[in-house]
């Protein structure tokens, strides 16, 4: 780690302070920066997205924080997605945090691999009223987020159509009973 260890309570308090300002039913998404290339076989030094670092203390690429204080299950209010690591990755890219290490740094209990994002988030999407996205200039995550927002919009549209259909059926039933 490039920094002296900071007590995870700081990051827990930072997240609490942030979520106090969200509208009801809101979900906030924070993504890490990418490692930027300098040429075909080189890379610049990694610099984490300051918002993600402030809220988690996690300083590695391919990381995503989801804050959803009003989630119905009550357990997944804070979810962190990180890059799956292995010995091979440690050799070629440097050591990455595993789930236990990410929990000890951030204080977040629900940690998943980044490739499981869609599977983990699908059950919670119908509960969302607002989505907050931090601005990220990276190449990888906007594609993931745009895809996820597209799914969210489809689900919301489907839910809206379903509700309109139910209202029309109820209205039709009440009109039929008035006759």
Foldseek 3Di string as FASTA:
>chain_A
DPDDADALVQLVVLLVVVVVPDDAQEKEKEFWADFAAPDDPHTDDGDTDPVCCSNQVARDHPKMWMAGCNFPVNQPRIEMAAADDDPVCCVVPNDHDDLVRSCRRNVRNHYYHSVCVCVVCVVRLVSHDYYHYDDYPHDPPVVVVVVVVVVSVVVVVVVVVVVVVVVVVVVVVVVVVVD
